[in-house]
Amino acid sequence: MAWIALLIAGLFEIVWAAAMKQSDGFTRFWPTAIMIAGMAASFVLLAWAMRSLPLGTAYAVWTGIGAAGAFFVGILFFAEAATPLRFLAALMILGGLVLMKLTSPG
């Protein structure tokens, strides 16, 4: 159950990062509100997952999901560059997440 909470926490991290981009420096109310709600949900779920998962694993997986997810959201919704090297970097992050999961208890 901790891994599911961690996955959802990572997805909320993607939500708040995208909302932060849309907030235009916190000048737009709804994107800013979504960002704050996404941050709160992400942190609560991360904290819950850390009750049974190792700190280093939980935090690395959480940030990795957020980083890779934000990368893909940036390409899909914000017209960011989709170069082969950027995709390779994202694949390396995802590979690291898989290795963390495979080598961690719980």
N, C-alpha and C. Protein backbone atom coordinates (compact mmCIF):
# COMPACT_ATOMS: atom_id res chain seq x y z
N MET A 1 0.81 -1.20 0.00
CA MET A 1 0.00 0.00 0.00
C MET A 1 0.86 1.27 0.00
N ALA A 2 2.03 1.19 0.64
CA ALA A 2 2.93 2.35 0.68
C ALA A 2 3.40 2.72 -0.72
N TRP A 3 3.65 1.72 -1.55
CA TRP A 3 4.11 2.00 -2.91
C TRP A 3 3.02 2.68 -3.73
N ILE A 4 1.79 2.30 -3.51
CA ILE A 4 0.67 2.94 -4.23
C ILE A 4 0.55 4.40 -3.78
N ALA A 5 0.65 4.63 -2.47
CA ALA A 5 0.61 6.00 -1.95
C ALA A 5 1.75 6.82 -2.53
N LEU A 6 2.93 6.21 -2.64
CA LEU A 6 4.09 6.92 -3.18
C LEU A 6 3.87 7.26 -4.66
N LEU A 7 3.31 6.34 -5.41
CA LEU A 7 3.02 6.59 -6.82
C LEU A 7 2.04 7.76 -6.96
N ILE A 8 0.98 7.74 -6.16
CA ILE A 8 -0.01 8.82 -6.22
C ILE A 8 0.62 10.15 -5.78
N ALA A 9 1.49 10.10 -4.76
CA ALA A 9 2.20 11.31 -4.32
C ALA A 9 3.02 11.87 -5.47
N GLY A 10 3.69 11.00 -6.21
CA GLY A 10 4.47 11.45 -7.37
C GLY A 10 3.60 12.06 -8.45
N LEU A 11 2.42 11.50 -8.66
CA LEU A 11 1.49 12.06 -9.65
C LEU A 11 1.01 13.45 -9.22
N PHE A 12 0.75 13.61 -7.92
CA PHE A 12 0.38 14.93 -7.42
C PHE A 12 1.54 15.92 -7.56
N GLU A 13 2.76 15.43 -7.50
CA GLU A 13 3.90 16.32 -7.71
C GLU A 13 3.90 16.86 -9.13
N ILE A 14 3.55 16.01 -10.08
CA ILE A 14 3.44 16.46 -11.47
C ILE A 14 2.34 17.52 -11.60
N VAL A 15 1.21 17.28 -10.93
CA VAL A 15 0.09 18.23 -10.97
C VAL A 15 0.53 19.59 -10.44
N TRP A 16 1.18 19.60 -9.27
CA TRP A 16 1.53 20.91 -8.72
C TRP A 16 2.61 21.61 -9.53
N ALA A 17 3.51 20.86 -10.13
CA ALA A 17 4.54 21.50 -10.96
C ALA A 17 3.91 22.14 -12.19
N ALA A 18 2.99 21.43 -12.83
CA ALA A 18 2.31 21.98 -14.01
C ALA A 18 1.45 23.18 -13.62
N ALA A 19 0.78 23.09 -12.48
CA ALA A 19 -0.04 24.21 -12.03
C ALA A 19 0.83 25.42 -11.69
N MET A 20 2.02 25.18 -11.15
CA MET A 20 2.92 26.28 -10.86
C MET A 20 3.29 27.01 -12.16
N LYS A 21 3.55 26.26 -13.20
CA LYS A 21 3.86 26.86 -14.50
C LYS A 21 2.68 27.71 -14.97
N GLN A 22 1.48 27.19 -14.81
CA GLN A 22 0.28 27.90 -15.24
C GLN A 22 -0.07 29.10 -14.36
N SER A 23 0.45 29.11 -13.13
CA SER A 23 0.10 30.19 -12.20
C SER A 23 0.70 31.54 -12.60
N ASP A 24 1.64 31.53 -13.53
CA ASP A 24 2.28 32.76 -14.00
C ASP A 24 2.85 33.57 -12.84
N GLY A 25 3.69 32.89 -12.07
CA GLY A 25 4.33 33.56 -10.92
C GLY A 25 3.35 33.84 -9.79
N PHE A 26 2.40 32.96 -9.60
CA PHE A 26 1.37 33.06 -8.55
C PHE A 26 0.43 34.25 -8.76
N THR A 27 0.26 34.66 -10.00
CA THR A 27 -0.63 35.78 -10.28
C THR A 27 -2.01 35.32 -10.73
N ARG A 28 -2.19 34.02 -10.98
CA ARG A 28 -3.49 33.48 -11.40
C ARG A 28 -4.01 32.60 -10.27
N PHE A 29 -5.23 32.89 -9.83
CA PHE A 29 -5.78 32.25 -8.63
C PHE A 29 -5.93 30.74 -8.76
N TRP A 30 -6.68 30.25 -9.76
CA TRP A 30 -6.98 28.82 -9.81
C TRP A 30 -5.75 27.94 -10.00
N PRO A 31 -4.84 28.28 -10.91
CA PRO A 31 -3.63 27.46 -10.98
C PRO A 31 -2.84 27.47 -9.67
N THR A 32 -2.80 28.61 -8.99
CA THR A 32 -2.10 28.69 -7.71
C THR A 32 -2.80 27.83 -6.66
N ALA A 33 -4.13 27.85 -6.62
CA ALA A 33 -4.88 27.03 -5.68
C ALA A 33 -4.68 25.54 -5.95
N ILE A 34 -4.69 25.16 -7.23
CA ILE A 34 -4.44 23.76 -7.61
C ILE A 34 -3.03 23.36 -7.20
N MET A 35 -2.07 24.26 -7.39
CA MET A 35 -0.69 23.97 -7.00
C MET A 35 -0.60 23.70 -5.49
N ILE A 36 -1.20 24.55 -4.70
CA ILE A 36 -1.14 24.38 -3.24
C ILE A 36 -1.82 23.09 -2.81
N ALA A 37 -2.98 22.78 -3.39
CA ALA A 37 -3.69 21.54 -3.06
C ALA A 37 -2.87 20.32 -3.50
N GLY A 38 -2.27 20.40 -4.68
CA GLY A 38 -1.43 19.30 -5.16
C GLY A 38 -0.21 19.08 -4.29
N MET A 39 0.41 20.17 -3.84
CA MET A 39 1.56 20.06 -2.94
C MET A 39 1.16 19.39 -1.63
N ALA A 40 0.04 19.84 -1.07
CA ALA A 40 -0.41 19.28 0.20
C ALA A 40 -0.69 17.79 0.06
N ALA A 41 -1.40 17.41 -0.97
CA ALA A 41 -1.72 15.99 -1.18
C ALA A 41 -0.44 15.19 -1.40
N SER A 42 0.47 15.72 -2.18
CA SER A 42 1.73 15.03 -2.46
C SER A 42 2.54 14.81 -1.19
N PHE A 43 2.66 15.86 -0.37
CA PHE A 43 3.46 15.74 0.85
C PHE A 43 2.82 14.79 1.85
N VAL A 44 1.49 14.84 1.99
CA VAL A 44 0.80 13.95 2.93
C VAL A 44 1.00 12.50 2.52
N LEU A 45 0.83 12.22 1.24
CA LEU A 45 1.00 10.84 0.76
C LEU A 45 2.46 10.38 0.87
N LEU A 46 3.40 11.27 0.58
CA LEU A 46 4.82 10.94 0.73
C LEU A 46 5.12 10.61 2.19
N ALA A 47 4.63 11.44 3.10
CA ALA A 47 4.88 11.20 4.52
C ALA A 47 4.28 9.87 4.95
N TRP A 48 3.09 9.56 4.46
CA TRP A 48 2.44 8.30 4.80
C TRP A 48 3.27 7.12 4.28
N ALA A 49 3.75 7.23 3.04
CA ALA A 49 4.56 6.15 2.45
C ALA A 49 5.87 5.96 3.21
N MET A 50 6.44 7.06 3.72
CA MET A 50 7.70 6.98 4.44
C MET A 50 7.57 6.28 5.80
N ARG A 51 6.36 6.06 6.24
CA ARG A 51 6.19 5.32 7.49
C ARG A 51 6.70 3.88 7.34
N SER A 52 6.67 3.34 6.13
CA SER A 52 7.14 1.96 5.95
C SER A 52 8.22 1.79 4.89
N LEU A 53 8.49 2.82 4.11
CA LEU A 53 9.55 2.73 3.10
C LEU A 53 10.77 3.51 3.57
N PRO A 54 11.96 3.08 3.16
CA PRO A 54 13.17 3.82 3.53
C PRO A 54 13.14 5.25 2.97
N LEU A 55 13.67 6.18 3.73
CA LEU A 55 13.71 7.59 3.35
C LEU A 55 14.30 7.78 1.95
N GLY A 56 15.50 7.26 1.76
CA GLY A 56 16.20 7.47 0.49
C GLY A 56 15.42 6.93 -0.70
N THR A 57 14.84 5.77 -0.54
CA THR A 57 14.05 5.17 -1.62
C THR A 57 12.80 5.99 -1.89
N ALA A 58 12.04 6.28 -0.84
CA ALA A 58 10.78 7.01 -1.01
C ALA A 58 11.02 8.38 -1.65
N TYR A 59 12.00 9.10 -1.14
CA TYR A 59 12.24 10.44 -1.66
C TYR A 59 12.75 10.39 -3.10
N ALA A 60 13.64 9.47 -3.40
CA ALA A 60 14.17 9.36 -4.76
C ALA A 60 13.07 8.98 -5.75
N VAL A 61 12.23 8.05 -5.37
CA VAL A 61 11.14 7.65 -6.26
C VAL A 61 10.16 8.80 -6.45
N TRP A 62 9.82 9.48 -5.37
CA TRP A 62 8.89 10.61 -5.43
C TRP A 62 9.41 11.70 -6.36
N THR A 63 10.66 12.10 -6.18
CA THR A 63 11.21 13.15 -7.03
C THR A 63 11.40 12.66 -8.47
N GLY A 64 11.72 11.38 -8.63
CA GLY A 64 11.89 10.83 -9.97
C GLY A 64 10.59 10.82 -10.75
N ILE A 65 9.51 10.41 -10.10
CA ILE A 65 8.20 10.44 -10.75
C ILE A 65 7.86 11.87 -11.14
N GLY A 66 8.10 12.79 -10.23
CA GLY A 66 7.82 14.20 -10.51
C GLY A 66 8.66 14.74 -11.65
N ALA A 67 9.94 14.42 -11.65
CA ALA A 67 10.84 14.93 -12.69
C ALA A 67 10.49 14.36 -14.06
N ALA A 68 10.34 13.04 -14.12
CA ALA A 68 10.01 12.42 -15.41
C ALA A 68 8.62 12.84 -15.88
N GLY A 69 7.68 12.90 -14.95
CA GLY A 69 6.32 13.31 -15.31
C GLY A 69 6.27 14.75 -15.79
N ALA A 70 6.96 15.63 -15.10
CA ALA A 70 6.99 17.03 -15.52
C ALA A 70 7.65 17.17 -16.88
N PHE A 71 8.65 16.36 -17.14
CA PHE A 71 9.30 16.36 -18.46
C PHE A 71 8.27 16.04 -19.55
N PHE A 72 7.50 14.98 -19.35
CA PHE A 72 6.51 14.58 -20.35
C PHE A 72 5.36 15.58 -20.46
N VAL A 73 4.91 16.13 -19.35
CA VAL A 73 3.87 17.16 -19.38
C VAL A 73 4.38 18.39 -20.12
N GLY A 74 5.63 18.76 -19.88
CA GLY A 74 6.21 19.90 -20.58
C GLY A 74 6.20 19.72 -22.08
N ILE A 75 6.52 18.53 -22.53
CA ILE A 75 6.51 18.25 -23.97
C ILE A 75 5.09 18.25 -24.51
N LEU A 76 4.19 17.57 -23.80
CA LEU A 76 2.82 17.40 -24.30
C LEU A 76 1.97 18.67 -24.24
N PHE A 77 2.16 19.47 -23.20
CA PHE A 77 1.25 20.60 -22.99
C PHE A 77 1.91 21.98 -23.08
N PHE A 78 3.23 22.06 -23.00
CA PHE A 78 3.89 23.35 -22.99
C PHE A 78 4.89 23.52 -24.13
N ALA A 79 4.83 22.63 -25.12
CA ALA A 79 5.66 22.72 -26.32
C ALA A 79 7.15 22.80 -26.02
N GLU A 80 7.59 22.07 -25.00
CA GLU A 80 9.02 22.02 -24.69
C GLU A 80 9.73 21.07 -25.66
N ALA A 81 11.03 21.22 -25.79
CA ALA A 81 11.81 20.44 -26.73
C ALA A 81 11.73 18.95 -26.44
N ALA A 82 11.61 18.18 -27.51
CA ALA A 82 11.55 16.71 -27.40
C ALA A 82 12.74 16.12 -28.16
N THR A 83 13.93 16.35 -27.62
CA THR A 83 15.13 15.88 -28.30
C THR A 83 15.49 14.47 -27.82
N PRO A 84 16.24 13.74 -28.64
CA PRO A 84 16.64 12.39 -28.24
C PRO A 84 17.40 12.35 -26.91
N LEU A 85 18.28 13.31 -26.67
CA LEU A 85 19.03 13.31 -25.42
C LEU A 85 18.13 13.57 -24.21
N ARG A 86 17.14 14.42 -24.36
CA ARG A 86 16.19 14.64 -23.26
C ARG A 86 15.41 13.38 -22.97
N PHE A 87 15.00 12.66 -24.02
CA PHE A 87 14.29 11.39 -23.81
C PHE A 87 15.20 10.36 -23.14
N LEU A 88 16.45 10.33 -23.54
CA LEU A 88 17.41 9.42 -22.91
C LEU A 88 17.54 9.74 -21.42
N ALA A 89 17.63 11.01 -21.09
CA ALA A 89 17.73 11.42 -19.69
C ALA A 89 16.49 10.97 -18.92
N ALA A 90 15.31 11.15 -19.49
CA ALA A 90 14.07 10.72 -18.83
C ALA A 90 14.05 9.20 -18.65
N LEU A 91 14.51 8.46 -19.65
CA LEU A 91 14.57 7.00 -19.53
C LEU A 91 15.54 6.58 -18.43
N MET A 92 16.63 7.31 -18.28
CA MET A 92 17.59 6.99 -17.22
C MET A 92 16.97 7.23 -15.85
N ILE A 93 16.18 8.29 -15.72
CA ILE A 93 15.48 8.54 -14.46
C ILE A 93 14.52 7.40 -14.17
N LEU A 94 13.73 7.01 -15.17
CA LEU A 94 12.78 5.91 -14.99
C LEU A 94 13.50 4.60 -14.66
N GLY A 95 14.63 4.36 -15.29
CA GLY A 95 15.42 3.17 -14.98
C GLY A 95 15.89 3.17 -13.54
N GLY A 96 16.30 4.33 -13.05
CA GLY A 96 16.71 4.46 -11.65
C GLY A 96 15.56 4.18 -10.71
N LEU A 97 14.36 4.63 -11.07
CA LEU A 97 13.19 4.36 -10.23
C LEU A 97 12.90 2.87 -10.14
N VAL A 98 13.00 2.19 -11.28
CA VAL A 98 12.77 0.74 -11.29
C VAL A 98 13.81 0.04 -10.42
N LEU A 99 15.07 0.43 -10.53
CA LEU A 99 16.12 -0.17 -9.70
C LEU A 99 15.88 0.08 -8.21
N MET A 100 15.44 1.29 -7.85
CA MET A 100 15.13 1.60 -6.46
C MET A 100 14.03 0.67 -5.94
N LYS A 101 13.00 0.49 -6.76
CA LYS A 101 11.89 -0.37 -6.35
C LYS A 101 12.36 -1.81 -6.18
N LEU A 102 13.14 -2.29 -7.13
CA LEU A 102 13.59 -3.69 -7.09
C LEU A 102 14.54 -3.99 -5.95
N THR A 103 15.26 -2.98 -5.48
CA THR A 103 16.25 -3.21 -4.43
C THR A 103 15.82 -2.75 -3.06
N SER A 104 14.55 -2.38 -2.92
CA SER A 104 14.07 -1.85 -1.64
C SER A 104 13.11 -2.82 -0.97
N PRO A 105 13.17 -2.88 0.35
CA PRO A 105 12.19 -3.71 1.07
C PRO A 105 10.81 -3.06 1.02
N GLY A 106 9.79 -3.85 1.26
CA GLY A 106 8.43 -3.30 1.32
C GLY A 106 7.74 -3.56 0.06
